[in-house]
PDB file of all heavy atoms in Angstrom:
ATOM      1  N   GLU A   1      -8.741  70.019 -30.764  1.00  0.00           N
ATOM      2  CA  GLU A   1      -9.768  70.359 -29.774  1.00  0.00           C
ATOM      3  C   GLU A   1     -11.162  70.040 -30.312  1.00  0.00           C
ATOM      4  O   GLU A   1     -11.995  69.458 -29.607  1.00  0.00           O
ATOM      5  CB  GLU A   1      -9.675  71.836 -29.383  1.00  0.00           C
ATOM      6  CG  GLU A   1     -10.596  72.195 -28.231  1.00  0.00           C
ATOM      7  CD  GLU A   1     -10.373  73.606 -27.724  1.00  0.00           C
ATOM      8  OE1 GLU A   1      -9.232  74.087 -27.724  1.00  0.00           O
ATOM      9  OE2 GLU A   1     -11.381  74.209 -27.348  1.00  0.00           O
ATOM     10  N   GLU A   2     -11.413  70.409 -31.556  1.00  0.00           N
ATOM     11  CA  GLU A   2     -12.706  70.118 -32.202  1.00  0.00           C
ATOM     12  C   GLU A   2     -12.983  68.611 -32.218  1.00  0.00           C
ATOM     13  O   GLU A   2     -14.083  68.158 -31.863  1.00  0.00           O
ATOM     14  CB  GLU A   2     -12.681  70.668 -33.628  1.00  0.00           C
ATOM     15  CG  GLU A   2     -13.801  70.212 -34.521  1.00  0.00           C
ATOM     16  CD  GLU A   2     -13.495  70.468 -36.003  1.00  0.00           C
ATOM     17  OE1 GLU A   2     -12.572  71.241 -36.327  1.00  0.00           O
ATOM     18  OE2 GLU A   2     -14.205  69.872 -36.823  1.00  0.00           O
ATOM     19  N   ILE A   3     -12.008  67.832 -32.626  1.00  0.00           N
ATOM     20  CA  ILE A   3     -12.180  66.383 -32.735  1.00  0.00           C
ATOM     21  C   ILE A   3     -12.272  65.732 -31.366  1.00  0.00           C
ATOM     22  O   ILE A   3     -13.048  64.792 -31.163  1.00  0.00           O
ATOM     23  CB  ILE A   3     -11.049  65.778 -33.594  1.00  0.00           C
ATOM     24  CG1 ILE A   3     -11.210  66.270 -35.034  1.00  0.00           C
ATOM     25  CG2 ILE A   3     -11.075  64.256 -33.549  1.00  0.00           C
ATOM     26  CD1 ILE A   3     -10.076  65.952 -35.941  1.00  0.00           C
ATOM     27  N   SER A   4     -11.529  66.243 -30.408  1.00  0.00           N
ATOM     28  CA  SER A   4     -11.555  65.642 -29.067  1.00  0.00           C
ATOM     29  C   SER A   4     -12.915  65.808 -28.385  1.00  0.00           C
ATOM     30  O   SER A   4     -13.222  65.072 -27.444  1.00  0.00           O
ATOM     31  CB  SER A   4     -10.449  66.229 -28.187  1.00  0.00           C
ATOM     32  OG  SER A   4     -10.719  67.587 -27.883  1.00  0.00           O
ATOM     33  N   LEU A   5     -13.727  66.738 -28.860  1.00  0.00           N
ATOM     34  CA  LEU A   5     -15.071  66.920 -28.307  1.00  0.00           C
ATOM     35  C   LEU A   5     -16.064  65.882 -28.837  1.00  0.00           C
ATOM     36  O   LEU A   5     -17.148  65.719 -28.270  1.00  0.00           O
ATOM     37  CB  LEU A   5     -15.585  68.331 -28.605  1.00  0.00           C
ATOM     38  CG  LEU A   5     -14.820  69.474 -27.942  1.00  0.00           C
ATOM     39  CD1 LEU A   5     -15.341  70.821 -28.431  1.00  0.00           C
ATOM     40  CD2 LEU A   5     -14.884  69.376 -26.430  1.00  0.00           C
ATOM     41  N   LEU A   6     -15.697  65.181 -29.913  1.00  0.00           N
ATOM     42  CA  LEU A   6     -16.559  64.146 -30.476  1.00  0.00           C
ATOM     43  C   LEU A   6     -16.448  62.864 -29.657  1.00  0.00           C
ATOM     44  O   LEU A   6     -15.367  62.522 -29.174  1.00  0.00           O
ATOM     45  CB  LEU A   6     -16.162  63.841 -31.922  1.00  0.00           C
ATOM     46  CG  LEU A   6     -16.244  64.981 -32.937  1.00  0.00           C
ATOM     47  CD1 LEU A   6     -15.656  64.534 -34.273  1.00  0.00           C
ATOM     48  CD2 LEU A   6     -17.675  65.449 -33.102  1.00  0.00           C
ATOM     49  N   SER A   7     -17.550  62.139 -29.541  1.00  0.00           N
ATOM     50  CA  SER A   7     -17.486  60.818 -28.905  1.00  0.00           C
ATOM     51  C   SER A   7     -16.730  59.873 -29.838  1.00  0.00           C
ATOM     52  O   SER A   7     -16.653  60.115 -31.056  1.00  0.00           O
ATOM     53  CB  SER A   7     -18.888  60.277 -28.647  1.00  0.00           C
ATOM     54  OG  SER A   7     -19.511  59.939 -29.876  1.00  0.00           O
ATOM     55  N   ILE A   8     -16.199  58.798 -29.299  1.00  0.00           N
ATOM     56  CA  ILE A   8     -15.489  57.828 -30.139  1.00  0.00           C
ATOM     57  C   ILE A   8     -16.453  57.213 -31.150  1.00  0.00           C
ATOM     58  O   ILE A   8     -16.077  56.944 -32.293  1.00  0.00           O
ATOM     59  CB  ILE A   8     -14.744  56.764 -29.304  1.00  0.00           C
ATOM     60  CG1 ILE A   8     -13.780  55.947 -30.182  1.00  0.00           C
ATOM     61  CG2 ILE A   8     -15.716  55.854 -28.564  1.00  0.00           C
ATOM     62  CD1 ILE A   8     -12.667  56.732 -30.829  1.00  0.00           C
ATOM     63  N   ASP A   9     -17.719  57.041 -30.758  1.00  0.00           N
ATOM     64  CA  ASP A   9     -18.704  56.502 -31.697  1.00  0.00           C
ATOM     65  C   ASP A   9     -18.920  57.444 -32.873  1.00  0.00           C
ATOM     66  O   ASP A   9     -19.075  57.010 -34.015  1.00  0.00           O
ATOM     67  CB  ASP A   9     -20.033  56.225 -30.988  1.00  0.00           C
ATOM     68  CG  ASP A   9     -19.931  55.068 -30.009  1.00  0.00           C
ATOM     69  OD1 ASP A   9     -19.192  54.105 -30.300  1.00  0.00           O
ATOM     70  OD2 ASP A   9     -20.582  55.133 -28.958  1.00  0.00           O
ATOM     71  N   ARG A  10     -18.918  58.744 -32.613  1.00  0.00           N
ATOM     72  CA  ARG A  10     -19.075  59.741 -33.690  1.00  0.00           C
ATOM     73  C   ARG A  10     -17.844  59.734 -34.601  1.00  0.00           C
ATOM     74  O   ARG A  10     -17.962  59.854 -35.823  1.00  0.00           O
ATOM     75  CB  ARG A  10     -19.286  61.131 -33.091  1.00  0.00           C
ATOM     76  CG  ARG A  10     -19.670  62.152 -34.087  1.00  0.00           C
ATOM     77  CD  ARG A  10     -21.113  61.946 -34.582  1.00  0.00           C
ATOM     78  NE  ARG A  10     -21.398  62.914 -35.619  1.00  0.00           N
ATOM     79  CZ  ARG A  10     -21.668  62.595 -36.877  1.00  0.00           C
ATOM     80  NH1 ARG A  10     -21.754  61.345 -37.254  1.00  0.00           N
ATOM     81  NH2 ARG A  10     -21.877  63.527 -37.765  1.00  0.00           N
ATOM     82  N   ILE A  11     -16.666  59.581 -34.019  1.00  0.00           N
ATOM     83  CA  ILE A  11     -15.429  59.481 -34.817  1.00  0.00           C
ATOM     84  C   ILE A  11     -15.495  58.244 -35.708  1.00  0.00           C
ATOM     85  O   ILE A  11     -15.182  58.305 -36.901  1.00  0.00           O
ATOM     86  CB  ILE A  11     -14.183  59.477 -33.900  1.00  0.00           C
ATOM     87  CG1 ILE A  11     -14.020  60.851 -33.245  1.00  0.00           C
ATOM     88  CG2 ILE A  11     -12.938  59.088 -34.693  1.00  0.00           C
ATOM     89  CD1 ILE A  11     -12.957  60.908 -32.164  1.00  0.00           C
ATOM     90  N   PHE A  12     -15.932  57.105 -35.138  1.00  0.00           N
ATOM     91  CA  PHE A  12     -16.106  55.891 -35.943  1.00  0.00           C
ATOM     92  C   PHE A  12     -17.070  56.142 -37.101  1.00  0.00           C
ATOM     93  O   PHE A  12     -16.826  55.715 -38.225  1.00  0.00           O
ATOM     94  CB  PHE A  12     -16.664  54.737 -35.099  1.00  0.00           C
ATOM     95  CG  PHE A  12     -15.700  54.137 -34.110  1.00  0.00           C
ATOM     96  CD1 PHE A  12     -16.187  53.435 -33.025  1.00  0.00           C
ATOM     97  CD2 PHE A  12     -14.333  54.242 -34.241  1.00  0.00           C
ATOM     98  CE1 PHE A  12     -15.340  52.848 -32.104  1.00  0.00           C
ATOM     99  CE2 PHE A  12     -13.457  53.680 -33.326  1.00  0.00           C
ATOM    100  CZ  PHE A  12     -13.970  52.967 -32.254  1.00  0.00           C
ATOM    101  N   ASP A  13     -18.181  56.827 -36.814  1.00  0.00           N
ATOM    102  CA  ASP A  13     -19.166  57.127 -37.858  1.00  0.00           C
ATOM    103  C   ASP A  13     -18.544  57.930 -38.996  1.00  0.00           C
ATOM    104  O   ASP A  13     -18.808  57.659 -40.173  1.00  0.00           O
ATOM    105  CB  ASP A  13     -20.362  57.894 -37.289  1.00  0.00           C
ATOM    106  CG  ASP A  13     -21.273  57.045 -36.426  1.00  0.00           C
ATOM    107  OD1 ASP A  13     -21.180  55.793 -36.484  1.00  0.00           O
ATOM    108  OD2 ASP A  13     -22.078  57.635 -35.672  1.00  0.00           O
ATOM    109  N   HIS A  14     -17.727  58.913 -38.644  1.00  0.00           N
ATOM    110  CA  HIS A  14     -17.064  59.734 -39.673  1.00  0.00           C
ATOM    111  C   HIS A  14     -16.117  58.875 -40.523  1.00  0.00           C
ATOM    112  O   HIS A  14     -16.111  58.990 -41.756  1.00  0.00           O
ATOM    113  CB  HIS A  14     -16.270  60.873 -39.027  1.00  0.00           C
ATOM    114  CG  HIS A  14     -17.086  62.061 -38.647  1.00  0.00           C
ATOM    115  ND1 HIS A  14     -17.664  62.901 -39.570  1.00  0.00           N
ATOM    116  CD2 HIS A  14     -17.415  62.556 -37.428  1.00  0.00           C
ATOM    117  CE1 HIS A  14     -18.315  63.870 -38.945  1.00  0.00           C
ATOM    118  NE2 HIS A  14     -18.184  63.676 -37.632  1.00  0.00           N
ATOM    119  N   ILE A  15     -15.314  58.044 -39.875  1.00  0.00           N
ATOM    120  CA  ILE A  15     -14.370  57.205 -40.624  1.00  0.00           C
ATOM    121  C   ILE A  15     -15.131  56.217 -41.505  1.00  0.00           C
ATOM    122  O   ILE A  15     -14.809  56.051 -42.686  1.00  0.00           O
ATOM    123  CB  ILE A  15     -13.399  56.467 -39.672  1.00  0.00           C
ATOM    124  CG1 ILE A  15     -12.520  57.474 -38.935  1.00  0.00           C
ATOM    125  CG2 ILE A  15     -12.550  55.462 -40.451  1.00  0.00           C
ATOM    126  CD1 ILE A  15     -11.674  56.859 -37.836  1.00  0.00           C
ATOM    127  N   LYS A  16     -16.152  55.570 -40.931  1.00  0.00           N
ATOM    128  CA  LYS A  16     -16.962  54.606 -41.693  1.00  0.00           C
ATOM    129  C   LYS A  16     -17.572  55.278 -42.916  1.00  0.00           C
ATOM    130  O   LYS A  16     -17.501  54.749 -44.034  1.00  0.00           O
ATOM    131  CB  LYS A  16     -18.052  54.028 -40.796  1.00  0.00           C
ATOM    132  CG  LYS A  16     -18.936  53.013 -41.470  1.00  0.00           C
ATOM    133  CD  LYS A  16     -19.970  52.460 -40.471  1.00  0.00           C
ATOM    134  CE  LYS A  16     -20.788  51.367 -41.100  1.00  0.00           C
ATOM    135  NZ  LYS A  16     -22.108  51.755 -41.496  1.00  0.00           N
ATOM    136  N   SER A  17     -18.160  56.437 -42.742  1.00  0.00           N
ATOM    137  CA  SER A  17     -18.768  57.175 -43.847  1.00  0.00           C
ATOM    138  C   SER A  17     -17.722  57.540 -44.904  1.00  0.00           C
ATOM    139  O   SER A  17     -17.965  57.394 -46.108  1.00  0.00           O
ATOM    140  CB  SER A  17     -19.452  58.432 -43.312  1.00  0.00           C
ATOM    141  OG  SER A  17     -19.980  59.187 -44.357  1.00  0.00           O
ATOM    142  N   SER A  18     -16.563  57.998 -44.469  1.00  0.00           N
ATOM    143  CA  SER A  18     -15.490  58.362 -45.406  1.00  0.00           C
ATOM    144  C   SER A  18     -15.011  57.147 -46.196  1.00  0.00           C
ATOM    145  O   SER A  18     -14.737  57.248 -47.396  1.00  0.00           O
ATOM    146  CB  SER A  18     -14.327  59.004 -44.659  1.00  0.00           C
ATOM    147  OG  SER A  18     -14.716  60.243 -44.124  1.00  0.00           O
ATOM    148  N   LEU A  19     -14.920  55.995 -45.535  1.00  0.00           N
ATOM    149  CA  LEU A  19     -14.525  54.765 -46.227  1.00  0.00           C
ATOM    150  C   LEU A  19     -15.589  54.346 -47.234  1.00  0.00           C
ATOM    151  O   LEU A  19     -15.276  54.032 -48.384  1.00  0.00           O
ATOM    152  CB  LEU A  19     -14.286  53.637 -45.219  1.00  0.00           C
ATOM    153  CG  LEU A  19     -13.036  53.741 -44.362  1.00  0.00           C
ATOM    154  CD1 LEU A  19     -13.089  52.753 -43.212  1.00  0.00           C
ATOM    155  CD2 LEU A  19     -11.785  53.527 -45.200  1.00  0.00           C
ATOM    156  N   GLU A  20     -16.839  54.342 -46.811  1.00  0.00           N
ATOM    157  CA  GLU A  20     -17.934  53.899 -47.678  1.00  0.00           C
ATOM    158  C   GLU A  20     -18.136  54.831 -48.866  1.00  0.00           C
ATOM    159  O   GLU A  20     -18.528  54.380 -49.944  1.00  0.00           O
ATOM    160  CB  GLU A  20     -19.227  53.774 -46.875  1.00  0.00           C
ATOM    161  CG  GLU A  20     -19.189  52.630 -45.890  1.00  0.00           C
ATOM    162  CD  GLU A  20     -20.400  52.565 -44.981  1.00  0.00           C
ATOM    163  OE1 GLU A  20     -21.054  53.614 -44.752  1.00  0.00           O
ATOM    164  OE2 GLU A  20     -20.671  51.473 -44.468  1.00  0.00           O
ATOM    165  N   ASN A  21     -17.873  56.114 -48.687  1.00  0.00           N
ATOM    166  CA  ASN A  21     -18.041  57.093 -49.762  1.00  0.00           C
ATOM    167  C   ASN A  21     -16.767  57.309 -50.575  1.00  0.00           C
ATOM    168  O   ASN A  21     -16.678  58.278 -51.337  1.00  0.00           O
ATOM    169  CB  ASN A  21     -18.547  58.418 -49.186  1.00  0.00           C
ATOM    170  CG  ASN A  21     -19.943  58.286 -48.634  1.00  0.00           C
ATOM    171  OD1 ASN A  21     -20.802  57.673 -49.244  1.00  0.00           O
ATOM    172  ND2 ASN A  21     -20.173  58.837 -47.453  1.00  0.00           N
ATOM    173  N   GLU A  22     -15.802  56.431 -50.382  1.00  0.00           N
ATOM    174  CA  GLU A  22     -14.535  56.416 -51.123  1.00  0.00           C
ATOM    175  C   GLU A  22     -13.721  57.685 -50.965  1.00  0.00           C
ATOM    176  O   GLU A  22     -12.893  58.013 -51.806  1.00  0.00           O
ATOM    177  CB  GLU A  22     -14.787  56.095 -52.604  1.00  0.00           C
ATOM    178  CG  GLU A  22     -15.412  54.733 -52.808  1.00  0.00           C
ATOM    179  CD  GLU A  22     -15.607  54.357 -54.257  1.00  0.00           C
ATOM    180  OE1 GLU A  22     -15.241  55.141 -55.161  1.00  0.00           O
ATOM    181  OE2 GLU A  22     -16.125  53.259 -54.500  1.00  0.00           O
ATOM    182  N   MET A  23     -13.940  58.412 -49.877  1.00  0.00           N
ATOM    183  CA  MET A  23     -13.134  59.603 -49.609  1.00  0.00           C
ATOM    184  C   MET A  23     -11.718  59.235 -49.197  1.00  0.00           C
ATOM    185  O   MET A  23     -10.815  60.065 -49.270  1.00  0.00           O
ATOM    186  CB  MET A  23     -13.806  60.445 -48.523  1.00  0.00           C
ATOM    187  CG  MET A  23     -15.131  61.054 -48.964  1.00  0.00           C
ATOM    188  SD  MET A  23     -16.051  61.821 -47.621  1.00  0.00           S
ATOM    189  CE  MET A  23     -14.877  63.029 -47.015  1.00  0.00           C
ATOM    190  N   LEU A  24     -11.509  57.991 -48.763  1.00  0.00           N
ATOM    191  CA  LEU A  24     -10.185  57.531 -48.345  1.00  0.00           C
ATOM    192  C   LEU A  24      -9.635  56.490 -49.313  1.00  0.00           C
ATOM    193  O   LEU A  24      -8.782  55.688 -48.962  1.00  0.00           O
ATOM    194  CB  LEU A  24     -10.260  56.963 -46.922  1.00  0.00           C
ATOM    195  CG  LEU A  24     -10.695  57.970 -45.860  1.00  0.00           C
ATOM    196  CD1 LEU A  24     -11.041  57.285 -44.555  1.00  0.00           C
ATOM    197  CD2 LEU A  24      -9.609  59.010 -45.645  1.00  0.00           C
ATOM    198  N   HIS A  25     -10.142  56.524 -50.549  1.00  0.00           N
ATOM    199  CA  HIS A  25      -9.750  55.542 -51.565  1.00  0.00           C
ATOM    200  C   HIS A  25      -8.233  55.535 -51.795  1.00  0.00           C
ATOM    201  O   HIS A  25      -7.630  54.481 -51.946  1.00  0.00           O
ATOM    202  CB  HIS A  25     -10.493  55.841 -52.863  1.00  0.00           C
ATOM    203  CG  HIS A  25     -10.958  54.638 -53.599  1.00  0.00           C
ATOM    204  ND1 HIS A  25     -11.765  53.671 -53.039  1.00  0.00           N
ATOM    205  CD2 HIS A  25     -10.735  54.242 -54.879  1.00  0.00           C
ATOM    206  CE1 HIS A  25     -12.015  52.743 -53.928  1.00  0.00           C
ATOM    207  NE2 HIS A  25     -11.402  53.055 -55.052  1.00  0.00           N
ATOM    208  N   SER A  26      -7.625  56.715 -51.822  1.00  0.00           N
ATOM    209  CA  SER A  26      -6.175  56.765 -52.063  1.00  0.00           C
ATOM    210  C   SER A  26      -5.405  56.135 -50.905  1.00  0.00           C
ATOM    211  O   SER A  26      -4.384  55.491 -51.119  1.00  0.00           O
ATOM    212  CB  SER A  26      -5.704  58.196 -52.318  1.00  0.00           C
ATOM    213  OG  SER A  26      -5.867  58.997 -51.175  1.00  0.00           O
ATOM    214  N   SER A  27      -5.912  56.295 -49.684  1.00  0.00           N
ATOM    215  CA  SER A  27      -5.248  55.673 -48.527  1.00  0.00           C
ATOM    216  C   SER A  27      -5.341  54.151 -48.602  1.00  0.00           C
ATOM    217  O   SER A  27      -4.377  53.449 -48.298  1.00  0.00           O
ATOM    218  CB  SER A  27      -5.871  56.162 -47.219  1.00  0.00           C
ATOM    219  OG  SER A  27      -5.629  57.538 -47.047  1.00  0.00           O
ATOM    220  N   ILE A  28      -6.498  53.644 -49.028  1.00  0.00           N
ATOM    221  CA  ILE A  28      -6.644  52.193 -49.189  1.00  0.00           C
ATOM    222  C   ILE A  28      -5.730  51.708 -50.304  1.00  0.00           C
ATOM    223  O   ILE A  28      -5.099  50.658 -50.189  1.00  0.00           O
ATOM    224  CB  ILE A  28      -8.113  51.807 -49.449  1.00  0.00           C
ATOM    225  CG1 ILE A  28      -8.966  52.137 -48.214  1.00  0.00           C
ATOM    226  CG2 ILE A  28      -8.229  50.317 -49.785  1.00  0.00           C
ATOM    227  CD1 ILE A  28     -10.452  51.952 -48.409  1.00  0.00           C
ATOM    228  N   GLY A  29      -5.610  52.485 -51.381  1.00  0.00           N
ATOM    229  CA  GLY A  29      -4.695  52.122 -52.468  1.00  0.00           C
ATOM    230  C   GLY A  29      -3.257  52.034 -51.991  1.00  0.00           C
ATOM    231  O   GLY A  29      -2.524  51.109 -52.352  1.00  0.00           O
ATOM    232  N   LYS A  30      -2.846  52.982 -51.166  1.00  0.00           N
ATOM    233  CA  LYS A  30      -1.488  52.951 -50.606  1.00  0.00           C
ATOM    234  C   LYS A  30      -1.304  51.742 -49.708  1.00  0.00           C
ATOM    235  O   LYS A  30      -0.244  51.097 -49.729  1.00  0.00           O
ATOM    236  CB  LYS A  30      -1.203  54.239 -49.844  1.00  0.00           C
ATOM    237  CG  LYS A  30      -1.098  55.453 -50.735  1.00  0.00           C
ATOM    238  CD  LYS A  30      -0.980  56.728 -49.937  1.00  0.00           C
ATOM    239  CE  LYS A  30      -1.037  57.947 -50.844  1.00  0.00           C
ATOM    240  NZ  LYS A  30      -1.103  59.197 -50.091  1.00  0.00           N
TER     241      LYS A  30
END
């Protein structure tokens, strides 16, 4: 419910930021 209230652009921003800040480094490694 919390996430569904975000615009798709805001969701993209979160993913982009997480990728750039290496928060998803293990996922990229996999």
